[in-house]
Amino acid sequence: MKVWRKPVAQELARDGKRQVRIYLQDAHKQAAAGQMRPLPEYSAVLDVSAGRCG
């Protein structure tokens, strides 16, 4: 399996436990205002070879 990741620059604030918190209500407000941050993109390829078992 091959996995590719296209990163994006994101400055995410961390709380006292060093965790990134995303609150649903805040995300809805940002989306409604057209201020959504770009998200990283992923792509995966799984190669399944034909063959016989046993």
N, C-alpha and C. Protein backbone atom coordinates (compact mmCIF):
# COMPACT_ATOMS: atom_id res chain seq x y z
N MET A 1 0.85 -1.17 0.00
CA MET A 1 0.00 0.00 0.00
C MET A 1 0.90 1.23 0.00
N LYS A 2 0.51 2.21 -0.79
CA LYS A 2 1.21 3.49 -0.84
C LYS A 2 0.23 4.58 -0.42
N VAL A 3 0.70 5.48 0.42
CA VAL A 3 -0.13 6.59 0.87
C VAL A 3 0.63 7.88 0.64
N TRP A 4 -0.05 8.83 0.01
CA TRP A 4 0.54 10.16 -0.22
C TRP A 4 -0.25 11.16 0.59
N ARG A 5 0.45 12.17 1.07
CA ARG A 5 -0.18 13.24 1.83
C ARG A 5 0.30 14.56 1.29
N LYS A 6 -0.65 15.42 0.94
CA LYS A 6 -0.33 16.78 0.50
C LYS A 6 -0.61 17.70 1.67
N PRO A 7 0.44 18.13 2.38
CA PRO A 7 0.22 18.95 3.57
C PRO A 7 -0.16 20.39 3.22
N VAL A 8 -0.76 21.05 4.16
CA VAL A 8 -1.06 22.48 4.05
C VAL A 8 -0.58 23.14 5.33
N ALA A 9 -0.21 24.39 5.21
CA ALA A 9 0.26 25.14 6.38
C ALA A 9 -0.94 25.50 7.25
N GLN A 10 -0.95 25.00 8.47
CA GLN A 10 -2.03 25.31 9.40
C GLN A 10 -1.43 25.70 10.74
N GLU A 11 -1.82 26.82 11.22
CA GLU A 11 -1.43 27.25 12.56
C GLU A 11 -2.62 26.99 13.46
N LEU A 12 -2.59 25.89 14.17
CA LEU A 12 -3.70 25.51 15.03
C LEU A 12 -3.33 25.77 16.49
N ALA A 13 -4.22 26.43 17.19
CA ALA A 13 -3.98 26.73 18.60
C ALA A 13 -4.13 25.47 19.43
N ARG A 14 -3.25 25.31 20.41
CA ARG A 14 -3.29 24.15 21.30
C ARG A 14 -3.72 24.62 22.69
N ASP A 15 -4.41 23.72 23.39
CA ASP A 15 -4.86 24.06 24.74
C ASP A 15 -3.78 23.69 25.76
N GLY A 16 -4.12 23.74 27.04
CA GLY A 16 -3.17 23.45 28.11
C GLY A 16 -2.63 22.03 28.09
N LYS A 17 -3.37 21.11 27.47
CA LYS A 17 -2.92 19.72 27.36
C LYS A 17 -2.22 19.46 26.04
N ARG A 18 -1.89 20.53 25.31
CA ARG A 18 -1.20 20.46 24.01
C ARG A 18 -2.02 19.72 22.95
N GLN A 19 -3.35 19.79 23.08
CA GLN A 19 -4.25 19.17 22.12
C GLN A 19 -4.91 20.25 21.27
N VAL A 20 -5.16 19.93 20.02
CA VAL A 20 -5.89 20.84 19.13
C VAL A 20 -7.38 20.53 19.30
N ARG A 21 -8.13 21.52 19.66
CA ARG A 21 -9.58 21.34 19.86
C ARG A 21 -10.32 22.04 18.74
N ILE A 22 -11.24 21.34 18.12
CA ILE A 22 -12.10 21.92 17.09
C ILE A 22 -13.53 21.76 17.57
N TYR A 23 -14.21 22.88 17.73
CA TYR A 23 -15.57 22.86 18.23
C TYR A 23 -16.54 22.99 17.07
N LEU A 24 -17.56 22.16 17.07
CA LEU A 24 -18.50 22.07 15.97
C LEU A 24 -19.19 23.40 15.68
N GLN A 25 -19.63 24.09 16.70
CA GLN A 25 -20.33 25.37 16.49
C GLN A 25 -19.41 26.39 15.84
N ASP A 26 -18.16 26.45 16.28
CA ASP A 26 -17.20 27.38 15.68
C ASP A 26 -16.93 27.02 14.22
N ALA A 27 -16.82 25.73 13.92
CA ALA A 27 -16.58 25.29 12.55
C ALA A 27 -17.76 25.64 11.65
N HIS A 28 -18.99 25.50 12.17
CA HIS A 28 -20.18 25.87 11.39
C HIS A 28 -20.18 27.37 11.08
N LYS A 29 -19.80 28.18 12.05
CA LYS A 29 -19.75 29.63 11.83
C LYS A 29 -18.71 29.99 10.78
N GLN A 30 -17.54 29.36 10.84
CA GLN A 30 -16.49 29.62 9.86
C GLN A 30 -16.94 29.20 8.46
N ALA A 31 -17.60 28.05 8.36
CA ALA A 31 -18.06 27.57 7.05
C ALA A 31 -19.12 28.51 6.48
N ALA A 32 -20.03 28.99 7.31
CA ALA A 32 -21.07 29.90 6.85
C ALA A 32 -20.48 31.22 6.37
N ALA A 33 -19.38 31.64 6.99
CA ALA A 33 -18.74 32.90 6.61
C ALA A 33 -17.75 32.72 5.46
N GLY A 34 -17.57 31.47 4.99
CA GLY A 34 -16.63 31.22 3.90
C GLY A 34 -15.17 31.31 4.33
N GLN A 35 -14.90 31.04 5.59
CA GLN A 35 -13.54 31.17 6.13
C GLN A 35 -12.94 29.82 6.50
N MET A 36 -13.28 28.78 5.80
CA MET A 36 -12.74 27.45 6.12
C MET A 36 -11.27 27.38 5.75
N ARG A 37 -10.50 26.73 6.60
CA ARG A 37 -9.08 26.53 6.34
C ARG A 37 -8.90 25.38 5.35
N PRO A 38 -7.85 25.43 4.55
CA PRO A 38 -7.60 24.30 3.66
C PRO A 38 -7.23 23.05 4.48
N LEU A 39 -7.64 21.89 4.00
CA LEU A 39 -7.36 20.64 4.69
C LEU A 39 -6.29 19.85 3.94
N PRO A 40 -5.51 19.05 4.64
CA PRO A 40 -4.55 18.19 3.95
C PRO A 40 -5.30 17.19 3.07
N GLU A 41 -4.68 16.81 1.97
CA GLU A 41 -5.28 15.84 1.06
C GLU A 41 -4.50 14.54 1.14
N TYR A 42 -5.21 13.44 1.05
CA TYR A 42 -4.59 12.12 1.11
C TYR A 42 -5.01 11.31 -0.11
N SER A 43 -4.12 10.41 -0.51
CA SER A 43 -4.42 9.48 -1.59
C SER A 43 -3.76 8.16 -1.22
N ALA A 44 -4.47 7.06 -1.46
CA ALA A 44 -3.91 5.75 -1.14
C ALA A 44 -4.13 4.81 -2.31
N VAL A 45 -3.15 3.96 -2.54
CA VAL A 45 -3.22 2.95 -3.59
C VAL A 45 -2.95 1.59 -2.95
N LEU A 46 -3.86 0.68 -3.14
CA LEU A 46 -3.71 -0.67 -2.61
C LEU A 46 -3.54 -1.62 -3.79
N ASP A 47 -2.42 -2.35 -3.80
CA ASP A 47 -2.15 -3.29 -4.88
C ASP A 47 -2.49 -4.69 -4.40
N VAL A 48 -3.48 -5.30 -5.04
CA VAL A 48 -3.89 -6.66 -4.70
C VAL A 48 -3.47 -7.56 -5.85
N SER A 49 -2.50 -8.40 -5.60
CA SER A 49 -2.01 -9.29 -6.64
C SER A 49 -2.92 -10.51 -6.74
N ALA A 50 -3.20 -10.92 -7.98
CA ALA A 50 -4.02 -12.11 -8.20
C ALA A 50 -3.17 -13.35 -7.92
N GLY A 51 -3.76 -14.30 -7.26
CA GLY A 51 -3.04 -15.52 -6.94
C GLY A 51 -3.95 -16.50 -6.26
N ARG A 52 -3.39 -17.66 -5.96
CA ARG A 52 -4.18 -18.69 -5.31
C ARG A 52 -3.73 -18.83 -3.87
N CYS A 53 -4.67 -19.07 -3.03
CA CYS A 53 -4.37 -19.32 -1.62
C CYS A 53 -4.33 -20.84 -1.42
N GLY A 54 -3.39 -21.28 -0.65
CA GLY A 54 -3.34 -22.68 -0.23
C GLY A 54 -2.78 -23.56 -1.22
